[in-house]
Amino acid sequence: MSLSKAQRSRGVATVEYCIVCVLVMVGLFASGAPTELADAFKALFHALTFSVSLP
């Protein structure tokens, strides 16, 4: 059973995407950025809920 070029290309792109995501996560957690990242998400969530609550 052989795969078409498009299917192989899509598979390779998926693997590359996963590798890049893992490398980014390792970089973030190795540098101690998770607390800063969590604080940024909290601030974004508070700002978003505030803007949604406005009439």
N, C-alpha and C. Protein backbone atom coordinates (compact mmCIF):
# COMPACT_ATOMS: atom_id res chain seq x y z
N MET A 1 0.85 -1.17 0.00
CA MET A 1 0.00 0.00 0.00
C MET A 1 0.90 1.24 0.00
N SER A 2 0.85 1.99 -1.06
CA SER A 2 1.69 3.17 -1.14
C SER A 2 0.85 4.43 -0.93
N LEU A 3 1.48 5.40 -0.33
CA LEU A 3 0.80 6.67 -0.06
C LEU A 3 1.09 7.65 -1.18
N SER A 4 0.16 8.51 -1.45
CA SER A 4 0.38 9.53 -2.46
C SER A 4 1.35 10.59 -1.93
N LYS A 5 1.86 11.41 -2.82
CA LYS A 5 2.78 12.47 -2.41
C LYS A 5 2.13 13.42 -1.42
N ALA A 6 0.87 13.75 -1.62
CA ALA A 6 0.17 14.68 -0.73
C ALA A 6 0.04 14.09 0.67
N GLN A 7 -0.25 12.80 0.76
CA GLN A 7 -0.39 12.16 2.07
C GLN A 7 0.95 12.11 2.79
N ARG A 8 2.03 11.79 2.08
CA ARG A 8 3.36 11.76 2.69
C ARG A 8 3.77 13.15 3.14
N SER A 9 3.49 14.15 2.31
CA SER A 9 3.84 15.52 2.63
C SER A 9 3.08 15.99 3.88
N ARG A 10 1.82 15.63 3.96
CA ARG A 10 1.01 16.01 5.11
C ARG A 10 1.53 15.34 6.39
N GLY A 11 1.97 14.09 6.27
CA GLY A 11 2.53 13.38 7.42
C GLY A 11 3.82 14.00 7.89
N VAL A 12 4.68 14.37 6.96
CA VAL A 12 5.95 15.01 7.31
C VAL A 12 5.69 16.36 7.96
N ALA A 13 4.76 17.11 7.44
CA ALA A 13 4.44 18.42 8.01
C ALA A 13 3.90 18.28 9.43
N THR A 14 3.11 17.25 9.67
CA THR A 14 2.57 17.02 11.01
C THR A 14 3.68 16.69 11.99
N VAL A 15 4.61 15.85 11.58
CA VAL A 15 5.74 15.49 12.44
C VAL A 15 6.59 16.72 12.72
N GLU A 16 6.87 17.53 11.71
CA GLU A 16 7.65 18.75 11.91
C GLU A 16 6.95 19.70 12.87
N TYR A 17 5.64 19.84 12.73
CA TYR A 17 4.86 20.71 13.61
C TYR A 17 4.95 20.22 15.06
N CYS A 18 4.83 18.93 15.26
CA CYS A 18 4.93 18.38 16.62
C CYS A 18 6.31 18.60 17.22
N ILE A 19 7.34 18.43 16.42
CA ILE A 19 8.71 18.64 16.91
C ILE A 19 8.91 20.09 17.29
N VAL A 20 8.44 21.02 16.46
CA VAL A 20 8.58 22.45 16.77
C VAL A 20 7.82 22.79 18.05
N CYS A 21 6.61 22.26 18.21
CA CYS A 21 5.83 22.52 19.43
C CYS A 21 6.54 22.02 20.66
N VAL A 22 7.11 20.82 20.59
CA VAL A 22 7.84 20.27 21.74
C VAL A 22 9.05 21.12 22.06
N LEU A 23 9.78 21.56 21.05
CA LEU A 23 10.96 22.39 21.29
C LEU A 23 10.59 23.73 21.92
N VAL A 24 9.48 24.32 21.47
CA VAL A 24 9.03 25.59 22.05
C VAL A 24 8.64 25.39 23.51
N MET A 25 7.92 24.31 23.80
CA MET A 25 7.51 24.04 25.18
C MET A 25 8.72 23.79 26.07
N VAL A 26 9.70 23.05 25.59
CA VAL A 26 10.92 22.80 26.37
C VAL A 26 11.64 24.11 26.62
N GLY A 27 11.72 24.96 25.61
CA GLY A 27 12.36 26.26 25.78
C GLY A 27 11.66 27.13 26.79
N LEU A 28 10.33 27.12 26.77
CA LEU A 28 9.57 27.94 27.71
C LEU A 28 9.73 27.44 29.14
N PHE A 29 9.63 26.14 29.33
CA PHE A 29 9.71 25.61 30.69
C PHE A 29 11.12 25.59 31.23
N ALA A 30 12.12 25.53 30.37
CA ALA A 30 13.51 25.53 30.83
C ALA A 30 13.94 26.92 31.27
N SER A 31 13.34 27.96 30.72
CA SER A 31 13.76 29.32 31.04
C SER A 31 13.04 29.90 32.24
N GLY A 32 12.11 29.18 32.80
CA GLY A 32 11.36 29.70 33.95
C GLY A 32 10.24 30.64 33.54
N ALA A 33 9.83 30.58 32.30
CA ALA A 33 8.79 31.47 31.80
C ALA A 33 7.37 31.02 32.11
N PRO A 34 7.13 29.83 32.63
CA PRO A 34 5.73 29.43 32.84
C PRO A 34 4.96 30.36 33.76
N THR A 35 5.59 30.89 34.79
CA THR A 35 4.85 31.80 35.67
C THR A 35 4.51 33.09 34.96
N GLU A 36 5.44 33.61 34.18
CA GLU A 36 5.17 34.82 33.41
C GLU A 36 4.08 34.56 32.38
N LEU A 37 4.13 33.40 31.76
CA LEU A 37 3.13 33.04 30.76
C LEU A 37 1.76 32.88 31.41
N ALA A 38 1.71 32.26 32.57
CA ALA A 38 0.44 32.08 33.29
C ALA A 38 -0.13 33.44 33.70
N ASP A 39 0.73 34.34 34.18
CA ASP A 39 0.28 35.68 34.55
C ASP A 39 -0.26 36.44 33.34
N ALA A 40 0.38 36.27 32.20
CA ALA A 40 -0.08 36.93 30.98
C ALA A 40 -1.45 36.40 30.56
N PHE A 41 -1.66 35.09 30.66
CA PHE A 41 -2.96 34.52 30.33
C PHE A 41 -4.04 34.99 31.30
N LYS A 42 -3.70 35.10 32.57
CA LYS A 42 -4.67 35.59 33.56
C LYS A 42 -5.07 37.03 33.25
N ALA A 43 -4.08 37.86 32.93
CA ALA A 43 -4.37 39.25 32.60
C ALA A 43 -5.22 39.34 31.34
N LEU A 44 -4.91 38.52 30.35
CA LEU A 44 -5.69 38.51 29.12
C LEU A 44 -7.13 38.08 29.41
N PHE A 45 -7.31 37.06 30.24
CA PHE A 45 -8.64 36.58 30.57
C PHE A 45 -9.44 37.64 31.31
N HIS A 46 -8.79 38.34 32.25
CA HIS A 46 -9.49 39.41 32.98
C HIS A 46 -9.88 40.55 32.05
N ALA A 47 -9.00 40.93 31.16
CA ALA A 47 -9.31 42.00 30.21
C ALA A 47 -10.42 41.57 29.26
N LEU A 48 -10.38 40.32 28.83
CA LEU A 48 -11.40 39.82 27.92
C LEU A 48 -12.77 39.77 28.59
N THR A 49 -12.83 39.26 29.81
CA THR A 49 -14.13 39.20 30.50
C THR A 49 -14.64 40.58 30.80
N PHE A 50 -13.76 41.51 31.11
CA PHE A 50 -14.19 42.89 31.35
C PHE A 50 -14.79 43.49 30.08
N SER A 51 -14.11 43.30 28.95
CA SER A 51 -14.60 43.90 27.70
C SER A 51 -15.91 43.25 27.25
N VAL A 52 -16.11 41.99 27.54
CA VAL A 52 -17.36 41.31 27.19
C VAL A 52 -18.49 41.79 28.07
N SER A 53 -18.18 42.15 29.32
CA SER A 53 -19.23 42.57 30.25
C SER A 53 -19.71 44.00 30.00
N LEU A 54 -18.97 44.76 29.20
CA LEU A 54 -19.41 46.13 28.92
C LEU A 54 -20.65 46.11 28.04
N PRO A 55 -21.57 47.06 28.26
CA PRO A 55 -22.79 47.06 27.44
C PRO A 55 -22.55 47.46 26.00
